[in-house]
Amino acid sequence: MFYRVGADLVLVAHSLFVAFAVVGGALAHYNRAWIWLHLPVVLWSAVVNFASWTCPLTPIEKALRTRAGLSGYAGGFIEHYVGHFVYPRGMPRQLELVAGVSIVTWNILVYAVVFAVSR
C-alpha cells in the first residue's frame, strides 16, 4: 500500500511539474518572482526532451509501482501518459524534439504576452 501511494504521489508531482512548465509562465503576470522558479523548470523540460534523457521521477515512479506489485511501463512519463493520445503508434525521437521546441517556443510567447500586458 505504501509503495502504491508513493508511486501515485510521484505521478501527481510529475504531472504538476509538467503543467507548471507549460502554464507557469503566466504566474509572472501576478508576481515576477515566479520567473526564478519557472525558467529552470522550462530549461530542464527542454533539455530532457532535446537530449532524450529520462526524468529522474520516471524511474522512481516505476520502481515504486514494481515494489507495490504492480506492472511498470516501458518508455518515459510523457510517452506513457500523454504520448499515446498524441501519437498512438509510439513516440518517435522526432516527437521528443518537437516537445522540446514547443515548450521553449510556447514559453517565449507566454512571457512576451505577460511583459506586454504588464507595461
N, C-alpha and C. Protein backbone atom coordinates (compact mmCIF):
# COMPACT_ATOMS: atom_id res chain seq x y z
N MET A 1 0.82 -1.19 0.00
CA MET A 1 0.00 0.00 0.00
C MET A 1 0.87 1.26 0.00
N PHE A 2 1.92 1.28 0.84
CA PHE A 2 2.81 2.43 0.94
C PHE A 2 3.46 2.74 -0.41
N TYR A 3 3.93 1.70 -1.12
CA TYR A 3 4.62 1.90 -2.38
C TYR A 3 3.66 2.41 -3.47
N ARG A 4 2.44 1.90 -3.46
CA ARG A 4 1.47 2.37 -4.46
C ARG A 4 1.12 3.84 -4.23
N VAL A 5 0.92 4.22 -2.98
CA VAL A 5 0.64 5.63 -2.67
C VAL A 5 1.85 6.49 -3.06
N GLY A 6 3.04 5.99 -2.76
CA GLY A 6 4.25 6.72 -3.14
C GLY A 6 4.34 6.90 -4.65
N ALA A 7 4.05 5.85 -5.40
CA ALA A 7 4.07 5.94 -6.87
C ALA A 7 3.03 6.94 -7.37
N ASP A 8 1.86 6.91 -6.77
CA ASP A 8 0.81 7.86 -7.16
C ASP A 8 1.20 9.30 -6.82
N LEU A 9 1.87 9.49 -5.68
CA LEU A 9 2.34 10.84 -5.32
C LEU A 9 3.41 11.34 -6.29
N VAL A 10 4.29 10.43 -6.70
CA VAL A 10 5.31 10.80 -7.69
C VAL A 10 4.64 11.15 -9.02
N LEU A 11 3.63 10.38 -9.39
CA LEU A 11 2.87 10.67 -10.61
C LEU A 11 2.23 12.05 -10.55
N VAL A 12 1.62 12.38 -9.43
CA VAL A 12 0.99 13.69 -9.26
C VAL A 12 2.05 14.79 -9.32
N ALA A 13 3.16 14.59 -8.63
CA ALA A 13 4.24 15.59 -8.64
C ALA A 13 4.77 15.79 -10.05
N HIS A 14 4.95 14.70 -10.77
CA HIS A 14 5.46 14.77 -12.13
C HIS A 14 4.47 15.52 -13.03
N SER A 15 3.20 15.22 -12.87
CA SER A 15 2.14 15.89 -13.66
C SER A 15 2.12 17.39 -13.36
N LEU A 16 2.23 17.74 -12.09
CA LEU A 16 2.26 19.15 -11.70
C LEU A 16 3.49 19.85 -12.26
N PHE A 17 4.62 19.16 -12.27
CA PHE A 17 5.85 19.71 -12.82
C PHE A 17 5.67 20.02 -14.31
N VAL A 18 5.10 19.07 -15.05
CA VAL A 18 4.87 19.27 -16.48
C VAL A 18 3.88 20.42 -16.70
N ALA A 19 2.81 20.43 -15.93
CA ALA A 19 1.81 21.50 -16.07
C ALA A 19 2.44 22.87 -15.76
N PHE A 20 3.28 22.92 -14.73
CA PHE A 20 3.95 24.17 -14.39
C PHE A 20 4.89 24.62 -15.51
N ALA A 21 5.57 23.66 -16.15
CA ALA A 21 6.45 24.00 -17.27
C ALA A 21 5.66 24.63 -18.41
N VAL A 22 4.43 24.16 -18.60
CA VAL A 22 3.61 24.65 -19.71
C VAL A 22 2.92 25.97 -19.38
N VAL A 23 2.32 26.09 -18.21
CA VAL A 23 1.50 27.27 -17.91
C VAL A 23 2.04 28.15 -16.80
N GLY A 24 3.13 27.76 -16.19
CA GLY A 24 3.66 28.51 -15.05
C GLY A 24 4.12 29.91 -15.38
N GLY A 25 4.49 30.16 -16.63
CA GLY A 25 4.94 31.50 -17.01
C GLY A 25 3.87 32.55 -16.80
N ALA A 26 2.63 32.15 -16.88
CA ALA A 26 1.52 33.10 -16.68
C ALA A 26 1.52 33.67 -15.26
N LEU A 27 2.09 32.94 -14.32
CA LEU A 27 2.14 33.43 -12.94
C LEU A 27 3.02 34.67 -12.81
N ALA A 28 3.93 34.86 -13.76
CA ALA A 28 4.79 36.04 -13.74
C ALA A 28 3.98 37.32 -13.91
N HIS A 29 2.80 37.21 -14.46
CA HIS A 29 1.92 38.37 -14.59
C HIS A 29 1.53 38.90 -13.21
N TYR A 30 1.40 38.00 -12.26
CA TYR A 30 0.98 38.37 -10.90
C TYR A 30 2.16 38.70 -10.00
N ASN A 31 3.26 37.99 -10.21
CA ASN A 31 4.44 38.21 -9.37
C ASN A 31 5.68 37.75 -10.13
N ARG A 32 6.58 38.67 -10.39
CA ARG A 32 7.79 38.37 -11.17
C ARG A 32 8.70 37.33 -10.50
N ALA A 33 8.54 37.12 -9.23
CA ALA A 33 9.37 36.14 -8.53
C ALA A 33 9.16 34.73 -9.08
N TRP A 34 7.98 34.46 -9.66
CA TRP A 34 7.71 33.14 -10.24
C TRP A 34 8.69 32.81 -11.37
N ILE A 35 9.22 33.83 -12.02
CA ILE A 35 10.15 33.61 -13.13
C ILE A 35 11.35 32.79 -12.68
N TRP A 36 11.84 33.07 -11.48
CA TRP A 36 13.04 32.40 -10.97
C TRP A 36 12.82 30.92 -10.72
N LEU A 37 11.59 30.52 -10.49
CA LEU A 37 11.27 29.10 -10.34
C LEU A 37 10.90 28.48 -11.68
N HIS A 38 10.17 29.26 -12.48
CA HIS A 38 9.64 28.73 -13.73
C HIS A 38 10.72 28.50 -14.80
N LEU A 39 11.61 29.44 -14.99
CA LEU A 39 12.60 29.29 -16.06
C LEU A 39 13.48 28.05 -15.91
N PRO A 40 13.97 27.70 -14.72
CA PRO A 40 14.72 26.45 -14.60
C PRO A 40 13.87 25.21 -14.94
N VAL A 41 12.59 25.26 -14.62
CA VAL A 41 11.69 24.14 -14.94
C VAL A 41 11.55 24.01 -16.45
N VAL A 42 11.39 25.13 -17.14
CA VAL A 42 11.30 25.11 -18.61
C VAL A 42 12.61 24.62 -19.20
N LEU A 43 13.71 25.12 -18.69
CA LEU A 43 15.02 24.70 -19.18
C LEU A 43 15.21 23.19 -19.00
N TRP A 44 14.90 22.69 -17.82
CA TRP A 44 15.03 21.26 -17.55
C TRP A 44 14.14 20.46 -18.49
N SER A 45 12.90 20.88 -18.66
CA SER A 45 11.96 20.17 -19.53
C SER A 45 12.48 20.12 -20.97
N ALA A 46 12.99 21.24 -21.44
CA ALA A 46 13.52 21.28 -22.80
C ALA A 46 14.75 20.40 -22.95
N VAL A 47 15.68 20.49 -22.02
CA VAL A 47 16.91 19.69 -22.09
C VAL A 47 16.60 18.20 -22.05
N VAL A 48 15.69 17.79 -21.19
CA VAL A 48 15.32 16.38 -21.11
C VAL A 48 14.81 15.89 -22.46
N ASN A 49 14.01 16.70 -23.13
CA ASN A 49 13.50 16.32 -24.44
C ASN A 49 14.58 16.38 -25.52
N PHE A 50 15.36 17.44 -25.55
CA PHE A 50 16.41 17.57 -26.58
C PHE A 50 17.45 16.47 -26.46
N ALA A 51 17.83 16.13 -25.24
CA ALA A 51 18.89 15.15 -25.02
C ALA A 51 18.36 13.72 -24.95
N SER A 52 17.05 13.56 -25.01
CA SER A 52 16.41 12.25 -24.91
C SER A 52 16.76 11.57 -23.58
N TRP A 53 16.81 12.38 -22.53
CA TRP A 53 17.05 11.87 -21.19
C TRP A 53 15.76 11.37 -20.59
N THR A 54 15.89 10.65 -19.50
CA THR A 54 14.74 10.24 -18.71
C THR A 54 14.72 11.09 -17.45
N CYS A 55 13.59 11.72 -17.18
CA CYS A 55 13.46 12.49 -15.95
C CYS A 55 13.61 11.54 -14.76
N PRO A 56 14.33 11.92 -13.72
CA PRO A 56 14.53 11.04 -12.57
C PRO A 56 13.22 10.60 -11.89
N LEU A 57 12.16 11.36 -12.04
CA LEU A 57 10.90 10.97 -11.43
C LEU A 57 10.31 9.71 -12.07
N THR A 58 10.60 9.49 -13.35
CA THR A 58 10.05 8.33 -14.05
C THR A 58 10.54 7.02 -13.45
N PRO A 59 11.86 6.79 -13.30
CA PRO A 59 12.29 5.53 -12.70
C PRO A 59 11.88 5.38 -11.23
N ILE A 60 11.73 6.51 -10.54
CA ILE A 60 11.26 6.43 -9.15
C ILE A 60 9.84 5.90 -9.12
N GLU A 61 8.98 6.47 -9.98
CA GLU A 61 7.60 6.00 -10.04
C GLU A 61 7.54 4.53 -10.44
N LYS A 62 8.30 4.16 -11.46
CA LYS A 62 8.31 2.77 -11.93
C LYS A 62 8.76 1.81 -10.82
N ALA A 63 9.81 2.19 -10.10
CA ALA A 63 10.33 1.34 -9.02
C ALA A 63 9.29 1.17 -7.92
N LEU A 64 8.62 2.26 -7.56
CA LEU A 64 7.59 2.18 -6.52
C LEU A 64 6.43 1.31 -6.97
N ARG A 65 6.04 1.41 -8.24
CA ARG A 65 4.96 0.57 -8.76
C ARG A 65 5.36 -0.90 -8.72
N THR A 66 6.59 -1.19 -9.09
CA THR A 66 7.08 -2.57 -9.06
C THR A 66 7.10 -3.10 -7.63
N ARG A 67 7.58 -2.28 -6.69
CA ARG A 67 7.62 -2.69 -5.27
C ARG A 67 6.22 -2.91 -4.72
N ALA A 68 5.23 -2.22 -5.30
CA ALA A 68 3.84 -2.38 -4.87
C ALA A 68 3.19 -3.60 -5.52
N GLY A 69 3.94 -4.30 -6.37
CA GLY A 69 3.40 -5.48 -7.04
C GLY A 69 2.61 -5.16 -8.29
N LEU A 70 2.72 -3.93 -8.76
CA LEU A 70 2.02 -3.51 -9.98
C LEU A 70 2.99 -3.59 -11.16
N SER A 71 2.44 -3.61 -12.34
CA SER A 71 3.31 -3.64 -13.51
C SER A 71 3.77 -2.22 -13.81
N GLY A 72 5.00 -2.12 -14.24
CA GLY A 72 5.53 -0.83 -14.63
C GLY A 72 5.10 -0.53 -16.05
N TYR A 73 5.82 0.34 -16.71
CA TYR A 73 5.53 0.65 -18.10
C TYR A 73 6.84 0.92 -18.81
N ALA A 74 6.81 0.72 -20.11
CA ALA A 74 8.00 0.98 -20.92
C ALA A 74 8.03 2.44 -21.32
N GLY A 75 9.22 2.96 -21.56
CA GLY A 75 9.34 4.34 -22.02
C GLY A 75 9.27 5.34 -20.90
N GLY A 76 9.10 6.59 -21.28
CA GLY A 76 9.09 7.68 -20.32
C GLY A 76 7.70 8.10 -19.90
N PHE A 77 7.66 9.05 -18.99
CA PHE A 77 6.42 9.57 -18.42
C PHE A 77 5.49 10.13 -19.49
N ILE A 78 5.99 11.06 -20.29
CA ILE A 78 5.16 11.68 -21.33
C ILE A 78 4.71 10.63 -22.34
N GLU A 79 5.65 9.78 -22.74
CA GLU A 79 5.31 8.73 -23.70
C GLU A 79 4.20 7.84 -23.17
N HIS A 80 4.25 7.49 -21.91
CA HIS A 80 3.26 6.58 -21.33
C HIS A 80 1.92 7.25 -21.07
N TYR A 81 1.94 8.42 -20.45
CA TYR A 81 0.69 9.05 -20.02
C TYR A 81 0.08 10.01 -21.04
N VAL A 82 0.90 10.58 -21.90
CA VAL A 82 0.40 11.57 -22.85
C VAL A 82 0.62 11.14 -24.30
N GLY A 83 1.73 10.52 -24.55
CA GLY A 83 2.14 10.19 -25.91
C GLY A 83 1.14 9.41 -26.73
N HIS A 84 0.44 8.47 -26.12
CA HIS A 84 -0.50 7.65 -26.91
C HIS A 84 -1.70 8.46 -27.38
N PHE A 85 -1.97 9.60 -26.74
CA PHE A 85 -3.04 10.48 -27.24
C PHE A 85 -2.54 11.27 -28.46
N VAL A 86 -1.27 11.65 -28.40
CA VAL A 86 -0.69 12.47 -29.46
C VAL A 86 -0.23 11.61 -30.63
N TYR A 87 0.40 10.47 -30.31
CA TYR A 87 0.96 9.60 -31.33
C TYR A 87 0.67 8.15 -30.95
N PRO A 88 -0.48 7.61 -31.38
CA PRO A 88 -0.94 6.30 -30.92
C PRO A 88 0.00 5.13 -31.21
N ARG A 89 0.88 5.25 -32.18
CA ARG A 89 1.75 4.13 -32.55
C ARG A 89 3.13 4.21 -31.91
N GLY A 90 3.28 5.05 -30.93
CA GLY A 90 4.56 5.19 -30.25
C GLY A 90 5.12 6.59 -30.42
N MET A 91 6.05 6.95 -29.57
CA MET A 91 6.61 8.30 -29.58
C MET A 91 8.01 8.26 -30.19
N PRO A 92 8.13 8.66 -31.47
CA PRO A 92 9.45 8.64 -32.08
C PRO A 92 10.33 9.76 -31.54
N ARG A 93 11.62 9.65 -31.79
CA ARG A 93 12.59 10.65 -31.34
C ARG A 93 12.21 12.05 -31.82
N GLN A 94 11.68 12.15 -33.05
CA GLN A 94 11.32 13.45 -33.59
C GLN A 94 10.26 14.14 -32.72
N LEU A 95 9.37 13.36 -32.12
CA LEU A 95 8.34 13.95 -31.27
C LEU A 95 8.94 14.52 -29.99
N GLU A 96 10.00 13.91 -29.48
CA GLU A 96 10.70 14.47 -28.33
C GLU A 96 11.30 15.83 -28.69
N LEU A 97 11.87 15.91 -29.88
CA LEU A 97 12.43 17.18 -30.32
C LEU A 97 11.34 18.23 -30.49
N VAL A 98 10.21 17.82 -31.05
CA VAL A 98 9.07 18.74 -31.19
C VAL A 98 8.61 19.21 -29.81
N ALA A 99 8.58 18.30 -28.84
CA ALA A 99 8.17 18.68 -27.48
C ALA A 99 9.15 19.70 -26.90
N GLY A 100 10.44 19.49 -27.10
CA GLY A 100 11.43 20.44 -26.59
C GLY A 100 11.29 21.81 -27.22
N VAL A 101 11.15 21.85 -28.54
CA VAL A 101 10.98 23.13 -29.24
C VAL A 101 9.66 23.78 -28.82
N SER A 102 8.63 22.97 -28.69
CA SER A 102 7.31 23.50 -28.32
C SER A 102 7.31 24.15 -26.95
N ILE A 103 7.96 23.52 -25.98
CA ILE A 103 7.95 24.07 -24.62
C ILE A 103 8.71 25.40 -24.59
N VAL A 104 9.80 25.48 -25.32
CA VAL A 104 10.56 26.74 -25.37
C VAL A 104 9.77 27.81 -26.11
N THR A 105 9.26 27.47 -27.28
CA THR A 105 8.51 28.44 -28.08
C THR A 105 7.27 28.94 -27.34
N TRP A 106 6.52 28.00 -26.77
CA TRP A 106 5.31 28.38 -26.03
C TRP A 106 5.64 29.35 -24.91
N ASN A 107 6.68 29.07 -24.16
CA ASN A 107 7.01 29.93 -23.02
C ASN A 107 7.56 31.28 -23.45
N ILE A 108 8.24 31.34 -24.58
CA ILE A 108 8.65 32.65 -25.12
C ILE A 108 7.41 33.48 -25.41
N LEU A 109 6.40 32.84 -26.02
CA LEU A 109 5.15 33.55 -26.30
C LEU A 109 4.43 33.98 -25.02
N VAL A 110 4.39 33.10 -24.03
CA VAL A 110 3.73 33.43 -22.76
C VAL A 110 4.42 34.62 -22.11
N TYR A 111 5.75 34.59 -22.03
CA TYR A 111 6.46 35.70 -21.41
C TYR A 111 6.32 36.98 -22.22
N ALA A 112 6.27 36.89 -23.54
CA ALA A 112 6.07 38.07 -24.36
C ALA A 112 4.73 38.71 -24.04
N VAL A 113 3.70 37.89 -23.90
CA VAL A 113 2.36 38.42 -23.56
C VAL A 113 2.36 38.99 -22.14
N VAL A 114 2.95 38.27 -21.20
CA VAL A 114 3.00 38.73 -19.82
C VAL A 114 3.68 40.09 -19.73
N PHE A 115 4.82 40.23 -20.40
CA PHE A 115 5.55 41.50 -20.31
C PHE A 115 4.85 42.60 -21.09
N ALA A 116 4.18 42.26 -22.20
CA ALA A 116 3.45 43.27 -22.98
C ALA A 116 2.23 43.78 -22.21
N VAL A 117 1.53 42.90 -21.53
CA VAL A 117 0.33 43.28 -20.78
C VAL A 117 0.71 44.04 -19.52
N SER A 118 1.86 43.74 -18.96
CA SER A 118 2.27 44.35 -17.69
C SER A 118 2.77 45.78 -17.83
N ARG A 119 2.97 46.24 -19.02
CA ARG A 119 3.51 47.59 -19.22
C ARG A 119 2.58 48.64 -18.77
